[in-house]
Amino acid sequence: MNELNYASFGKLLIKLQFLETIIKLFISLCNSSVKENKKYRIKELSSRNILDNNTEKTKQTLGQLMIIIKSEIPNFDNAEFKELLSKRNKFIHSFHKEFLSKKEIDEKEVTKFIEKLWSLTDKYTKVFTGLISISAKSIGKGKVSVEEIEEDEKHLYNYLIENSKQTAYNND
């Protein structure tokens, strides 16, 4: 393993944190009935405090956020979204033990894992950015500029189409 490999681990960690922040931002835009659902424990979540990690107020782990998303938007209740959480958890909690603490590090296996997690993180960052863009347009009623993120709406639309086809295929 070289420095470049280790640098990619740090970049991926930041990318995962950014995805988590985008999901928090999207959830903060949800109406009060979603936020007041006691099982979610996000009543205090707002766009002003999405970076607040005070776990006494809210439980805002990526897993908890994904439960909310899957419950409120069933299109996200799929194997790929679950794989993202599983790989993220492995990366955060056991990556060193599973991949790096062995006598012989399998660089191909490490690279394959990192590339897959990077790809999933990138995809869902764009999908949620698209959701935020559409939400901002709806909430802002034309008074909010989303020019810089509007292009990610196509990632959301492609995701929804892809997911619909997969759901239809699974139901046949």
C-alpha atoms as a PDB file:
ATOM      1  CA  MET A   1       0.000   0.000   0.000  1.00  0.00           C
ATOM      2  CA  ASN A   2       1.333   3.417  -0.902  1.00  0.00           C
ATOM      3  CA  GLU A   3       0.555   6.976   0.176  1.00  0.00           C
ATOM      4  CA  LEU A   4      -1.843   7.425  -2.711  1.00  0.00           C
ATOM      5  CA  ASN A   5      -3.976   4.536  -1.433  1.00  0.00           C
ATOM      6  CA  TYR A   6      -4.117   6.012   2.045  1.00  0.00           C
ATOM      7  CA  ALA A   7      -4.943   9.455   0.644  1.00  0.00           C
ATOM      8  CA  SER A   8      -7.916   7.915  -1.179  1.00  0.00           C
ATOM      9  CA  PHE A   9      -9.201   6.580   2.165  1.00  0.00           C
ATOM     10  CA  GLY A  10      -9.227  10.113   3.562  1.00  0.00           C
ATOM     11  CA  LYS A  11     -10.952  11.502   0.472  1.00  0.00           C
ATOM     12  CA  LEU A  12     -13.598   8.784   0.717  1.00  0.00           C
ATOM     13  CA  LEU A  13     -14.197   9.566   4.380  1.00  0.00           C
ATOM     14  CA  ILE A  14     -14.805  13.239   3.542  1.00  0.00           C
ATOM     15  CA  LYS A  15     -17.064  12.235   0.639  1.00  0.00           C
ATOM     16  CA  LEU A  16     -19.123  10.029   2.988  1.00  0.00           C
ATOM     17  CA  GLN A  17     -19.432  12.876   5.493  1.00  0.00           C
ATOM     18  CA  PHE A  18     -20.595  15.179   2.699  1.00  0.00           C
ATOM     19  CA  LEU A  19     -23.254  12.634   1.640  1.00  0.00           C
ATOM     20  CA  GLU A  20     -24.455  12.396   5.223  1.00  0.00           C
ATOM     21  CA  THR A  21     -24.714  16.188   5.409  1.00  0.00           C
ATOM     22  CA  ILE A  22     -26.681  16.344   2.144  1.00  0.00           C
ATOM     23  CA  ILE A  23     -29.106  13.695   3.412  1.00  0.00           C
ATOM     24  CA  LYS A  24     -29.523  15.644   6.668  1.00  0.00           C
ATOM     25  CA  LEU A  25     -30.187  18.799   4.664  1.00  0.00           C
ATOM     26  CA  PHE A  26     -32.832  17.047   2.572  1.00  0.00           C
ATOM     27  CA  ILE A  27     -34.525  15.608   5.667  1.00  0.00           C
ATOM     28  CA  SER A  28     -34.430  19.048   7.323  1.00  0.00           C
ATOM     29  CA  LEU A  29     -36.577  20.286   4.422  1.00  0.00           C
ATOM     30  CA  CYS A  30     -39.254  17.648   5.112  1.00  0.00           C
ATOM     31  CA  ASN A  31     -42.532  18.774   6.564  1.00  0.00           C
ATOM     32  CA  SER A  32     -43.163  18.759  10.300  1.00  0.00           C
ATOM     33  CA  SER A  33     -45.166  15.498  10.260  1.00  0.00           C
ATOM     34  CA  VAL A  34     -42.026  13.623   9.192  1.00  0.00           C
ATOM     35  CA  LYS A  35     -39.804  15.364  11.735  1.00  0.00           C
ATOM     36  CA  GLU A  36     -42.308  14.885  14.563  1.00  0.00           C
ATOM     37  CA  ASN A  37     -42.492  11.117  14.041  1.00  0.00           C
ATOM     38  CA  LYS A  38     -41.146   9.915  17.393  1.00  0.00           C
ATOM     39  CA  LYS A  39     -39.471   6.818  15.959  1.00  0.00           C
ATOM     40  CA  TYR A  40     -37.137   9.019  13.878  1.00  0.00           C
ATOM     41  CA  ARG A  41     -35.877  11.237  16.735  1.00  0.00           C
ATOM     42  CA  ILE A  42     -35.195  14.190  14.444  1.00  0.00           C
ATOM     43  CA  LYS A  43     -37.715  16.719  15.719  1.00  0.00           C
ATOM     44  CA  GLU A  44     -34.965  19.291  16.293  1.00  0.00           C
ATOM     45  CA  LEU A  45     -33.309  18.780  12.884  1.00  0.00           C
ATOM     46  CA  SER A  46     -33.383  21.929  10.789  1.00  0.00           C
ATOM     47  CA  SER A  47     -31.285  23.383   8.013  1.00  0.00           C
ATOM     48  CA  ARG A  48     -29.645  25.592  10.652  1.00  0.00           C
ATOM     49  CA  ASN A  49     -28.312  22.720  12.737  1.00  0.00           C
ATOM     50  CA  ILE A  50     -27.491  19.974  10.236  1.00  0.00           C
ATOM     51  CA  LEU A  51     -23.838  20.101  11.246  1.00  0.00           C
ATOM     52  CA  ASP A  52     -24.656  19.822  14.958  1.00  0.00           C
ATOM     53  CA  ASN A  53     -23.560  16.408  16.194  1.00  0.00           C
ATOM     54  CA  ASN A  54     -25.239  16.701  19.578  1.00  0.00           C
ATOM     55  CA  THR A  55     -26.573  13.147  19.808  1.00  0.00           C
ATOM     56  CA  GLU A  56     -28.640  14.021  22.864  1.00  0.00           C
ATOM     57  CA  LYS A  57     -30.938  16.050  20.598  1.00  0.00           C
ATOM     58  CA  THR A  58     -31.121  13.690  17.642  1.00  0.00           C
ATOM     59  CA  LYS A  59     -29.789  10.388  16.425  1.00  0.00           C
ATOM     60  CA  GLN A  60     -28.376  11.355  13.071  1.00  0.00           C
ATOM     61  CA  THR A  61     -26.147   8.483  12.040  1.00  0.00           C
ATOM     62  CA  LEU A  62     -26.199   7.594   8.364  1.00  0.00           C
ATOM     63  CA  GLY A  63     -28.078   4.405   9.259  1.00  0.00           C
ATOM     64  CA  GLN A  64     -30.804   6.345  11.062  1.00  0.00           C
ATOM     65  CA  LEU A  65     -31.021   8.881   8.237  1.00  0.00           C
ATOM     66  CA  MET A  66     -31.357   6.079   5.686  1.00  0.00           C
ATOM     67  CA  ILE A  67     -34.180   4.482   7.710  1.00  0.00           C
ATOM     68  CA  ILE A  68     -36.063   7.769   7.499  1.00  0.00           C
ATOM     69  CA  ILE A  69     -35.427   8.101   3.758  1.00  0.00           C
ATOM     70  CA  LYS A  70     -36.485   4.504   3.031  1.00  0.00           C
ATOM     71  CA  SER A  71     -39.641   4.910   5.135  1.00  0.00           C
ATOM     72  CA  GLU A  72     -40.673   8.206   3.583  1.00  0.00           C
ATOM     73  CA  ILE A  73     -39.525   7.544  -0.003  1.00  0.00           C
ATOM     74  CA  PRO A  74     -39.913   3.820  -0.776  1.00  0.00           C
ATOM     75  CA  ASN A  75     -37.811   4.128  -3.969  1.00  0.00           C
ATOM     76  CA  PHE A  76     -34.795   4.125  -1.668  1.00  0.00           C
ATOM     77  CA  ASP A  77     -35.703   0.826  -0.028  1.00  0.00           C
ATOM     78  CA  ASN A  78     -33.502  -1.288  -2.295  1.00  0.00           C
ATOM     79  CA  ALA A  79     -30.418  -3.496  -2.243  1.00  0.00           C
ATOM     80  CA  GLU A  80     -28.047  -0.839  -3.595  1.00  0.00           C
ATOM     81  CA  PHE A  81     -28.959   1.725  -0.922  1.00  0.00           C
ATOM     82  CA  LYS A  82     -28.515  -0.987   1.730  1.00  0.00           C
ATOM     83  CA  GLU A  83     -25.145  -1.900   0.183  1.00  0.00           C
ATOM     84  CA  LEU A  84     -24.050   1.727   0.528  1.00  0.00           C
ATOM     85  CA  LEU A  85     -24.793   1.656   4.263  1.00  0.00           C
ATOM     86  CA  SER A  86     -23.170  -1.752   4.717  1.00  0.00           C
ATOM     87  CA  LYS A  87     -19.977  -0.726   2.912  1.00  0.00           C
ATOM     88  CA  ARG A  88     -19.906   2.621   4.697  1.00  0.00           C
ATOM     89  CA  ASN A  89     -20.196   0.890   8.071  1.00  0.00           C
ATOM     90  CA  LYS A  90     -17.474  -1.581   7.167  1.00  0.00           C
ATOM     91  CA  PHE A  91     -15.225   1.279   6.030  1.00  0.00           C
ATOM     92  CA  ILE A  92     -15.815   3.305   9.199  1.00  0.00           C
ATOM     93  CA  HIS A  93     -15.881   0.522  11.788  1.00  0.00           C
ATOM     94  CA  SER A  94     -13.864  -2.441  10.546  1.00  0.00           C
ATOM     95  CA  PHE A  95     -11.928  -1.596   7.374  1.00  0.00           C
ATOM     96  CA  HIS A  96      -8.533  -1.756   9.052  1.00  0.00           C
ATOM     97  CA  LYS A  97      -9.287  -5.080  10.698  1.00  0.00           C
ATOM     98  CA  GLU A  98     -10.747  -6.684   7.572  1.00  0.00           C
ATOM     99  CA  PHE A  99      -8.369  -5.318   4.949  1.00  0.00           C
ATOM    100  CA  LEU A 100      -5.226  -3.743   6.368  1.00  0.00           C
ATOM    101  CA  SER A 101      -4.196  -5.686   9.464  1.00  0.00           C
ATOM    102  CA  LYS A 102      -3.370  -8.864   7.551  1.00  0.00           C
ATOM    103  CA  LYS A 103       0.223  -9.884   6.869  1.00  0.00           C
ATOM    104  CA  GLU A 104      -0.441  -9.850   3.147  1.00  0.00           C
ATOM    105  CA  ILE A 105      -2.688  -6.997   2.094  1.00  0.00           C
ATOM    106  CA  ASP A 106      -4.736  -7.834  -0.977  1.00  0.00           C
ATOM    107  CA  GLU A 107      -4.458  -4.526  -2.826  1.00  0.00           C
ATOM    108  CA  LYS A 108      -6.892  -5.648  -5.523  1.00  0.00           C
ATOM    109  CA  GLU A 109      -9.524  -6.441  -2.899  1.00  0.00           C
ATOM    110  CA  VAL A 110      -8.922  -3.119  -1.125  1.00  0.00           C
ATOM    111  CA  THR A 111      -9.097  -1.200  -4.415  1.00  0.00           C
ATOM    112  CA  LYS A 112     -12.281  -2.997  -5.477  1.00  0.00           C
ATOM    113  CA  PHE A 113     -13.945  -2.184  -2.136  1.00  0.00           C
ATOM    114  CA  ILE A 114     -12.874   1.492  -2.195  1.00  0.00           C
ATOM    115  CA  GLU A 115     -13.921   1.962  -5.830  1.00  0.00           C
ATOM    116  CA  LYS A 116     -17.364   0.441  -5.198  1.00  0.00           C
ATOM    117  CA  LEU A 117     -17.974   2.540  -2.083  1.00  0.00           C
ATOM    118  CA  TRP A 118     -16.715   5.646  -3.903  1.00  0.00           C
ATOM    119  CA  SER A 119     -19.071   4.937  -6.815  1.00  0.00           C
ATOM    120  CA  LEU A 120     -22.097   4.421  -4.542  1.00  0.00           C
ATOM    121  CA  THR A 121     -21.271   7.525  -2.503  1.00  0.00           C
ATOM    122  CA  ASP A 122     -20.850   9.605  -5.640  1.00  0.00           C
ATOM    123  CA  LYS A 123     -24.113   8.340  -7.121  1.00  0.00           C
ATOM    124  CA  TYR A 124     -26.184   9.010  -4.017  1.00  0.00           C
ATOM    125  CA  THR A 125     -24.566  12.403  -3.455  1.00  0.00           C
ATOM    126  CA  LYS A 126     -25.786  13.407  -6.920  1.00  0.00           C
ATOM    127  CA  VAL A 127     -29.232  11.850  -6.358  1.00  0.00           C
ATOM    128  CA  PHE A 128     -29.745  13.708  -3.075  1.00  0.00           C
ATOM    129  CA  THR A 129     -28.393  16.933  -4.545  1.00  0.00           C
ATOM    130  CA  GLY A 130     -31.056  16.525  -7.246  1.00  0.00           C
ATOM    131  CA  LEU A 131     -33.699  16.007  -4.543  1.00  0.00           C
ATOM    132  CA  ILE A 132     -32.554  19.166  -2.776  1.00  0.00           C
ATOM    133  CA  SER A 133     -32.677  21.115  -6.035  1.00  0.00           C
ATOM    134  CA  ILE A 134     -36.253  20.034  -6.745  1.00  0.00           C
ATOM    135  CA  SER A 135     -37.256  20.648  -3.116  1.00  0.00           C
ATOM    136  CA  ALA A 136     -35.728  24.136  -3.133  1.00  0.00           C
ATOM    137  CA  LYS A 137     -37.612  24.980  -6.324  1.00  0.00           C
ATOM    138  CA  SER A 138     -40.859  23.789  -4.782  1.00  0.00           C
ATOM    139  CA  ILE A 139     -40.347  25.477  -1.420  1.00  0.00           C
ATOM    140  CA  GLY A 140     -38.910  28.669  -2.916  1.00  0.00           C
ATOM    141  CA  LYS A 141     -41.616  28.981  -5.561  1.00  0.00           C
ATOM    142  CA  GLY A 142     -39.135  30.328  -8.089  1.00  0.00           C
ATOM    143  CA  LYS A 143     -37.384  32.669  -5.675  1.00  0.00           C
ATOM    144  CA  VAL A 144     -34.485  30.321  -4.915  1.00  0.00           C
ATOM    145  CA  SER A 145     -31.617  29.930  -7.357  1.00  0.00           C
ATOM    146  CA  VAL A 146     -30.476  26.329  -7.817  1.00  0.00           C
ATOM    147  CA  GLU A 147     -28.455  26.837 -10.994  1.00  0.00           C
ATOM    148  CA  GLU A 148     -25.321  25.217  -9.606  1.00  0.00           C
ATOM    149  CA  ILE A 149     -27.036  22.039  -8.410  1.00  0.00           C
ATOM    150  CA  GLU A 150     -29.881  21.801 -10.905  1.00  0.00           C
ATOM    151  CA  GLU A 151     -27.836  19.524 -13.177  1.00  0.00           C
ATOM    152  CA  ASP A 152     -27.984  16.798 -10.516  1.00  0.00           C
ATOM    153  CA  GLU A 153     -31.745  16.513 -10.970  1.00  0.00           C
ATOM    154  CA  LYS A 154     -31.036  14.242 -13.956  1.00  0.00           C
ATOM    155  CA  HIS A 155     -29.241  11.836 -11.586  1.00  0.00           C
ATOM    156  CA  LEU A 156     -32.371  11.723  -9.454  1.00  0.00           C
ATOM    157  CA  TYR A 157     -34.609  11.102 -12.465  1.00  0.00           C
ATOM    158  CA  ASN A 158     -32.284   8.376 -13.782  1.00  0.00           C
ATOM    159  CA  TYR A 159     -32.208   6.786 -10.333  1.00  0.00           C
ATOM    160  CA  LEU A 160     -36.001   6.776 -10.078  1.00  0.00           C
ATOM    161  CA  ILE A 161     -36.359   5.288 -13.572  1.00  0.00           C
ATOM    162  CA  GLU A 162     -33.700   2.647 -12.877  1.00  0.00           C
ATOM    163  CA  ASN A 163     -35.289   1.794  -9.542  1.00  0.00           C
ATOM    164  CA  SER A 164     -38.765   1.560 -11.070  1.00  0.00           C
ATOM    165  CA  LYS A 165     -37.506  -0.871 -13.709  1.00  0.00           C
ATOM    166  CA  GLN A 166     -35.792  -2.981 -11.041  1.00  0.00           C
ATOM    167  CA  THR A 167     -38.944  -3.004  -8.889  1.00  0.00           C
ATOM    168  CA  ALA A 168     -41.078  -4.029 -11.880  1.00  0.00           C
ATOM    169  CA  TYR A 169     -38.568  -6.764 -12.778  1.00  0.00           C
ATOM    170  CA  ASN A 170     -38.594  -8.103  -9.212  1.00  0.00           C
ATOM    171  CA  ASN A 171     -42.397  -8.144  -9.132  1.00  0.00           C
ATOM    172  CA  ASP A 172     -42.670 -10.238 -12.330  1.00  0.00           C
END
